[in-house]
Structures are given as structure tokens and as C-alpha cells.
N, C-alpha and C. Protein backbone atom coordinates (compact mmCIF):
# COMPACT_ATOMS: atom_id res chain seq x y z
N UNK A 1 0.85 -1.18 0.00
CA UNK A 1 0.00 0.00 0.00
C UNK A 1 0.90 1.24 0.00
N UNK A 2 0.61 2.14 -0.90
CA UNK A 2 1.39 3.38 -0.95
C UNK A 2 1.00 4.29 0.21
N UNK A 3 1.81 5.29 0.43
CA UNK A 3 1.52 6.26 1.50
C UNK A 3 0.17 6.95 1.24
N UNK A 4 -0.08 7.35 0.00
CA UNK A 4 -1.36 8.00 -0.33
C UNK A 4 -2.54 7.07 -0.08
N UNK A 5 -2.38 5.81 -0.45
CA UNK A 5 -3.46 4.83 -0.21
C UNK A 5 -3.69 4.65 1.29
N UNK A 6 -2.62 4.66 2.06
CA UNK A 6 -2.74 4.54 3.52
C UNK A 6 -3.48 5.74 4.11
N UNK A 7 -3.17 6.92 3.59
CA UNK A 7 -3.86 8.13 4.06
C UNK A 7 -5.34 8.07 3.70
N UNK A 8 -5.65 7.66 2.49
CA UNK A 8 -7.05 7.55 2.06
C UNK A 8 -7.78 6.52 2.93
N UNK A 9 -7.14 5.40 3.21
CA UNK A 9 -7.76 4.37 4.06
C UNK A 9 -8.04 4.93 5.46
N UNK A 10 -7.09 5.68 6.01
CA UNK A 10 -7.27 6.28 7.33
C UNK A 10 -8.42 7.28 7.33
N UNK A 11 -8.46 8.14 6.31
CA UNK A 11 -9.54 9.13 6.20
C UNK A 11 -10.89 8.43 6.09
N UNK A 12 -10.96 7.37 5.29
CA UNK A 12 -12.22 6.63 5.15
C UNK A 12 -12.65 5.99 6.47
N UNK A 13 -11.68 5.42 7.20
CA UNK A 13 -11.99 4.82 8.50
C UNK A 13 -12.54 5.85 9.47
N UNK A 14 -11.86 6.99 9.57
CA UNK A 14 -12.29 8.03 10.51
C UNK A 14 -13.59 8.69 10.05
N UNK A 15 -13.80 8.79 8.76
CA UNK A 15 -15.07 9.33 8.26
C UNK A 15 -16.23 8.43 8.66
N UNK A 16 -16.04 7.12 8.54
CA UNK A 16 -17.08 6.17 8.93
C UNK A 16 -17.35 6.28 10.43
N UNK A 17 -16.28 6.39 11.23
CA UNK A 17 -16.43 6.54 12.68
C UNK A 17 -17.20 7.81 13.00
N UNK A 18 -16.83 8.92 12.34
CA UNK A 18 -17.53 10.18 12.57
C UNK A 18 -19.02 10.05 12.24
N UNK A 19 -19.33 9.45 11.10
CA UNK A 19 -20.74 9.32 10.69
C UNK A 19 -21.52 8.45 11.68
N UNK A 20 -20.93 7.36 12.14
CA UNK A 20 -21.60 6.50 13.11
C UNK A 20 -21.83 7.23 14.43
N UNK A 21 -20.78 7.87 14.93
CA UNK A 21 -20.92 8.58 16.21
C UNK A 21 -21.87 9.76 16.08
N UNK A 22 -21.79 10.49 14.97
CA UNK A 22 -22.68 11.63 14.79
C UNK A 22 -24.14 11.18 14.70
N UNK A 23 -24.39 10.02 14.12
CA UNK A 23 -25.76 9.49 14.07
C UNK A 23 -26.26 9.21 15.49
N UNK A 24 -25.40 8.67 16.33
CA UNK A 24 -25.79 8.37 17.71
C UNK A 24 -25.92 9.65 18.55
N UNK A 25 -24.97 10.56 18.39
CA UNK A 25 -24.93 11.75 19.22
C UNK A 25 -25.80 12.89 18.68
N UNK A 26 -26.26 12.79 17.45
CA UNK A 26 -27.15 13.80 16.90
C UNK A 26 -26.54 15.17 16.80
N UNK A 27 -25.31 15.27 16.30
CA UNK A 27 -24.61 16.57 16.18
C UNK A 27 -24.59 17.32 17.50
N UNK A 28 -24.39 16.58 18.59
CA UNK A 28 -24.38 17.22 19.90
C UNK A 28 -23.27 18.25 20.03
N UNK A 29 -22.21 18.11 19.25
CA UNK A 29 -21.13 19.10 19.32
C UNK A 29 -21.64 20.48 18.93
N UNK A 30 -22.68 20.55 18.11
CA UNK A 30 -23.30 21.83 17.76
C UNK A 30 -24.36 22.21 18.79
N UNK A 31 -25.15 21.25 19.22
CA UNK A 31 -26.26 21.52 20.13
C UNK A 31 -25.79 21.89 21.53
N UNK A 32 -24.63 21.40 21.93
CA UNK A 32 -24.11 21.75 23.25
C UNK A 32 -23.87 23.26 23.33
N UNK A 33 -23.26 23.82 22.31
CA UNK A 33 -23.04 25.27 22.28
C UNK A 33 -24.35 26.04 22.27
N UNK A 34 -25.33 25.55 21.50
CA UNK A 34 -26.63 26.21 21.45
C UNK A 34 -27.34 26.11 22.81
N UNK A 35 -27.20 24.98 23.48
CA UNK A 35 -27.82 24.80 24.80
C UNK A 35 -27.20 25.77 25.81
N UNK A 36 -25.87 25.84 25.82
CA UNK A 36 -25.21 26.76 26.74
C UNK A 36 -25.59 28.21 26.44
N UNK A 37 -25.76 28.54 25.16
CA UNK A 37 -26.18 29.90 24.80
C UNK A 37 -27.59 30.20 25.32
N UNK A 38 -28.46 29.19 25.31
CA UNK A 38 -29.80 29.38 25.87
C UNK A 38 -29.77 29.54 27.38
N UNK A 39 -28.95 28.76 28.03
CA UNK A 39 -28.84 28.83 29.49
C UNK A 39 -28.16 30.11 29.96
N UNK A 40 -27.20 30.58 29.17
CA UNK A 40 -26.41 31.75 29.55
C UNK A 40 -26.38 32.74 28.40
N UNK A 41 -27.51 33.41 28.10
CA UNK A 41 -27.54 34.32 26.95
C UNK A 41 -26.56 35.49 27.08
N UNK A 42 -26.17 35.80 28.30
CA UNK A 42 -25.21 36.88 28.50
C UNK A 42 -23.77 36.40 28.35
N UNK A 43 -23.61 35.09 28.12
CA UNK A 43 -22.28 34.50 27.97
C UNK A 43 -21.77 33.95 29.29
N UNK A 44 -20.67 33.28 29.22
CA UNK A 44 -20.04 32.70 30.40
C UNK A 44 -18.65 33.30 30.52
N UNK A 45 -18.35 33.81 31.70
CA UNK A 45 -17.02 34.34 31.96
C UNK A 45 -16.20 33.21 32.59
N UNK A 46 -15.19 32.78 31.88
CA UNK A 46 -14.33 31.72 32.39
C UNK A 46 -13.06 32.39 32.91
N UNK A 47 -13.09 32.67 34.21
CA UNK A 47 -12.01 33.44 34.82
C UNK A 47 -11.22 32.64 35.85
N UNK A 48 -11.35 31.33 35.78
CA UNK A 48 -10.58 30.49 36.69
C UNK A 48 -10.43 29.10 36.08
N UNK A 49 -9.39 28.38 36.51
CA UNK A 49 -9.24 27.00 36.04
C UNK A 49 -10.45 26.14 36.40
N UNK A 50 -11.05 26.35 37.56
CA UNK A 50 -12.22 25.56 37.96
C UNK A 50 -13.36 25.75 36.96
N UNK A 51 -13.63 26.98 36.59
CA UNK A 51 -14.71 27.23 35.62
C UNK A 51 -14.40 26.63 34.26
N UNK A 52 -13.14 26.67 33.86
CA UNK A 52 -12.76 26.11 32.57
C UNK A 52 -13.01 24.60 32.56
N UNK A 53 -12.59 23.92 33.60
CA UNK A 53 -12.79 22.48 33.70
C UNK A 53 -14.28 22.17 33.82
N UNK A 54 -15.01 22.96 34.60
CA UNK A 54 -16.44 22.74 34.79
C UNK A 54 -17.19 22.82 33.46
N UNK A 55 -16.89 23.81 32.65
CA UNK A 55 -17.55 23.95 31.35
C UNK A 55 -17.23 22.75 30.46
N UNK A 56 -15.99 22.28 30.49
CA UNK A 56 -15.62 21.11 29.71
C UNK A 56 -16.40 19.88 30.14
N UNK A 57 -16.52 19.67 31.45
CA UNK A 57 -17.29 18.53 31.96
C UNK A 57 -18.77 18.67 31.61
N UNK A 58 -19.29 19.88 31.72
CA UNK A 58 -20.70 20.12 31.38
C UNK A 58 -20.96 19.80 29.91
N UNK A 59 -20.04 20.19 29.04
CA UNK A 59 -20.20 19.89 27.61
C UNK A 59 -20.22 18.38 27.38
N UNK A 60 -19.34 17.65 28.06
CA UNK A 60 -19.34 16.19 27.90
C UNK A 60 -20.64 15.58 28.40
N UNK A 61 -21.16 16.10 29.51
CA UNK A 61 -22.42 15.59 30.04
C UNK A 61 -23.58 15.87 29.09
N UNK A 62 -23.58 17.04 28.49
CA UNK A 62 -24.63 17.37 27.52
C UNK A 62 -24.55 16.45 26.31
N UNK A 63 -23.33 16.14 25.87
CA UNK A 63 -23.16 15.19 24.76
C UNK A 63 -23.76 13.84 25.10
N UNK A 64 -23.49 13.35 26.30
CA UNK A 64 -24.00 12.04 26.72
C UNK A 64 -25.53 12.06 26.83
N UNK A 65 -26.09 13.15 27.34
CA UNK A 65 -27.56 13.26 27.40
C UNK A 65 -28.17 13.24 26.01
N UNK A 66 -27.53 13.91 25.06
CA UNK A 66 -28.04 13.93 23.69
C UNK A 66 -27.99 12.53 23.09
N UNK A 67 -26.91 11.82 23.30
CA UNK A 67 -26.79 10.47 22.74
C UNK A 67 -27.87 9.55 23.32
N UNK A 68 -28.01 9.57 24.65
CA UNK A 68 -29.03 8.72 25.28
C UNK A 68 -30.42 9.09 24.80
N UNK A 69 -30.68 10.38 24.65
CA UNK A 69 -31.99 10.83 24.16
C UNK A 69 -32.25 10.32 22.75
N UNK A 70 -31.26 10.39 21.90
CA UNK A 70 -31.42 9.89 20.53
C UNK A 70 -31.71 8.40 20.50
N UNK A 71 -30.99 7.64 21.34
CA UNK A 71 -31.15 6.20 21.33
C UNK A 71 -32.43 5.74 22.01
N UNK A 72 -32.78 6.35 23.13
CA UNK A 72 -33.92 5.87 23.91
C UNK A 72 -35.22 6.58 23.52
N UNK A 73 -35.23 7.88 23.55
CA UNK A 73 -36.47 8.62 23.31
C UNK A 73 -36.84 8.68 21.83
N UNK A 74 -35.83 8.76 20.97
CA UNK A 74 -36.11 8.79 19.53
C UNK A 74 -36.08 7.39 18.92
N UNK A 75 -35.70 6.41 19.73
CA UNK A 75 -35.73 5.02 19.28
C UNK A 75 -34.74 4.69 18.18
N UNK A 76 -33.64 5.44 18.12
CA UNK A 76 -32.64 5.15 17.08
C UNK A 76 -31.80 3.95 17.50
N UNK A 77 -31.38 3.18 16.53
CA UNK A 77 -30.48 2.05 16.78
C UNK A 77 -29.05 2.59 16.78
N UNK A 78 -28.29 2.24 17.81
CA UNK A 78 -26.93 2.77 17.88
C UNK A 78 -26.09 2.25 16.72
N UNK A 79 -25.31 3.17 16.19
CA UNK A 79 -24.39 2.84 15.10
C UNK A 79 -23.04 2.39 15.66
N UNK A 80 -22.69 2.88 16.84
CA UNK A 80 -21.49 2.44 17.54
C UNK A 80 -21.94 1.30 18.44
N UNK A 81 -21.82 0.08 17.92
CA UNK A 81 -22.46 -1.08 18.55
C UNK A 81 -21.86 -1.48 19.89
N UNK A 82 -20.63 -1.09 20.16
CA UNK A 82 -20.03 -1.45 21.45
C UNK A 82 -20.26 -0.37 22.50
N UNK A 83 -21.15 0.58 22.23
CA UNK A 83 -21.50 1.62 23.20
C UNK A 83 -23.03 1.70 23.28
N UNK A 84 -23.60 0.87 24.12
CA UNK A 84 -25.04 0.83 24.31
C UNK A 84 -25.48 2.06 25.12
N UNK A 85 -26.78 2.31 25.16
CA UNK A 85 -27.30 3.47 25.88
C UNK A 85 -26.94 3.42 27.37
N UNK A 86 -26.96 2.22 27.96
CA UNK A 86 -26.65 2.14 29.39
C UNK A 86 -25.18 2.48 29.65
N UNK A 87 -24.30 2.20 28.68
CA UNK A 87 -22.90 2.59 28.82
C UNK A 87 -22.78 4.11 28.79
N UNK A 88 -23.54 4.72 27.90
CA UNK A 88 -23.55 6.19 27.81
C UNK A 88 -24.00 6.80 29.14
N UNK A 89 -25.02 6.24 29.74
CA UNK A 89 -25.50 6.77 31.02
C UNK A 89 -24.49 6.52 32.14
N UNK A 90 -23.76 5.40 32.06
CA UNK A 90 -22.68 5.17 33.02
C UNK A 90 -21.59 6.21 32.86
N UNK A 91 -21.27 6.55 31.60
CA UNK A 91 -20.30 7.62 31.34
C UNK A 91 -20.79 8.94 31.95
N UNK A 92 -22.07 9.21 31.79
CA UNK A 92 -22.64 10.44 32.35
C UNK A 92 -22.45 10.46 33.86
N UNK A 93 -22.70 9.32 34.50
CA UNK A 93 -22.48 9.22 35.94
C UNK A 93 -21.03 9.49 36.32
N UNK A 94 -20.10 8.94 35.54
CA UNK A 94 -18.69 9.18 35.82
C UNK A 94 -18.34 10.66 35.69
N UNK A 95 -18.89 11.33 34.68
CA UNK A 95 -18.65 12.77 34.55
C UNK A 95 -19.25 13.52 35.74
N UNK A 96 -20.39 13.04 36.23
CA UNK A 96 -20.97 13.64 37.43
C UNK A 96 -20.06 13.50 38.64
N UNK A 97 -19.46 12.31 38.81
CA UNK A 97 -18.52 12.09 39.91
C UNK A 97 -17.30 12.98 39.77
N UNK A 98 -16.80 13.12 38.52
CA UNK A 98 -15.65 14.00 38.29
C UNK A 98 -15.99 15.44 38.68
N UNK A 99 -17.18 15.87 38.31
CA UNK A 99 -17.61 17.24 38.60
C UNK A 99 -17.77 17.44 40.10
N UNK A 100 -18.36 16.45 40.78
CA UNK A 100 -18.51 16.55 42.23
C UNK A 100 -17.15 16.65 42.91
N UNK A 101 -16.20 15.85 42.47
CA UNK A 101 -14.86 15.88 43.05
C UNK A 101 -14.21 17.24 42.81
N UNK A 102 -14.38 17.77 41.60
CA UNK A 102 -13.83 19.10 41.27
C UNK A 102 -14.41 20.16 42.19
N UNK A 103 -15.74 20.14 42.35
CA UNK A 103 -16.39 21.17 43.17
C UNK A 103 -16.06 21.02 44.65
N UNK A 104 -15.87 19.79 45.09
CA UNK A 104 -15.53 19.57 46.50
C UNK A 104 -14.09 19.95 46.81
N UNK A 105 -13.16 19.56 45.92
CA UNK A 105 -11.74 19.69 46.22
C UNK A 105 -11.02 20.80 45.47
N UNK A 106 -11.68 21.39 44.48
CA UNK A 106 -11.04 22.45 43.71
C UNK A 106 -10.02 21.90 42.72
N UNK A 107 -9.18 22.77 42.24
CA UNK A 107 -8.18 22.43 41.22
C UNK A 107 -6.82 22.46 41.90
N UNK A 108 -6.07 21.37 41.74
CA UNK A 108 -4.71 21.36 42.27
C UNK A 108 -3.83 22.29 41.46
N UNK A 109 -2.92 22.93 42.14
CA UNK A 109 -2.02 23.87 41.45
C UNK A 109 -0.69 23.23 41.24
């Protein structure tokens, strides 16, 4: 396989992964920003490491909620077959634990 063929194969593989995940997540990468804009129309001031990490965790949690909603409430069949809806909700729980730990203990310097 030539280098160009290897690159094309890699792009095709990642394109398929993107399409499968996007089908499950429902373009949550776009909707997360729109959701935060609705919640905070005046914007969010990220003036500390804690807030920066918190927003990142919140975005991940919103992504997981969108995926579970697509699979359960909209009745879509998951395209990423090794990530069932219950796994997504377990991930959401883990992000919740991470957030709780962050809020309890702060950010190490």
C-alpha cells in the first residue's frame, strides 16, 4: 500500500467513525453550544481553572444526554455497537462524579 493509499484508508476509516458517532450523538457538538447559549444568553465568563474544567465537563455531560436521548427517546439504533445506551449513562455518571470531586476539592495547582 502506498503512502497516499494509507492516508485515504485512514480518512475513510475516521469518516465512517464520525458518521456512526454523529448518528448516535445527533450533532451534539453543535447543540451543546446552542444549549449553553440558551442557558447563559449573556455568555459565560471563564475566569478560573475551575470554571474552565467545569464547562468542559458540562459539555461532555450534555453530549451524553443527547446520545441517550437519541437512542432511547427517539428510538434510534446505535451505530457504535459497542456503546449501548446504558454505557452512555454510566459515562454520564462518571462525569458527574468528576464534577462533584472538582467542586468539592477544587483544582490542584
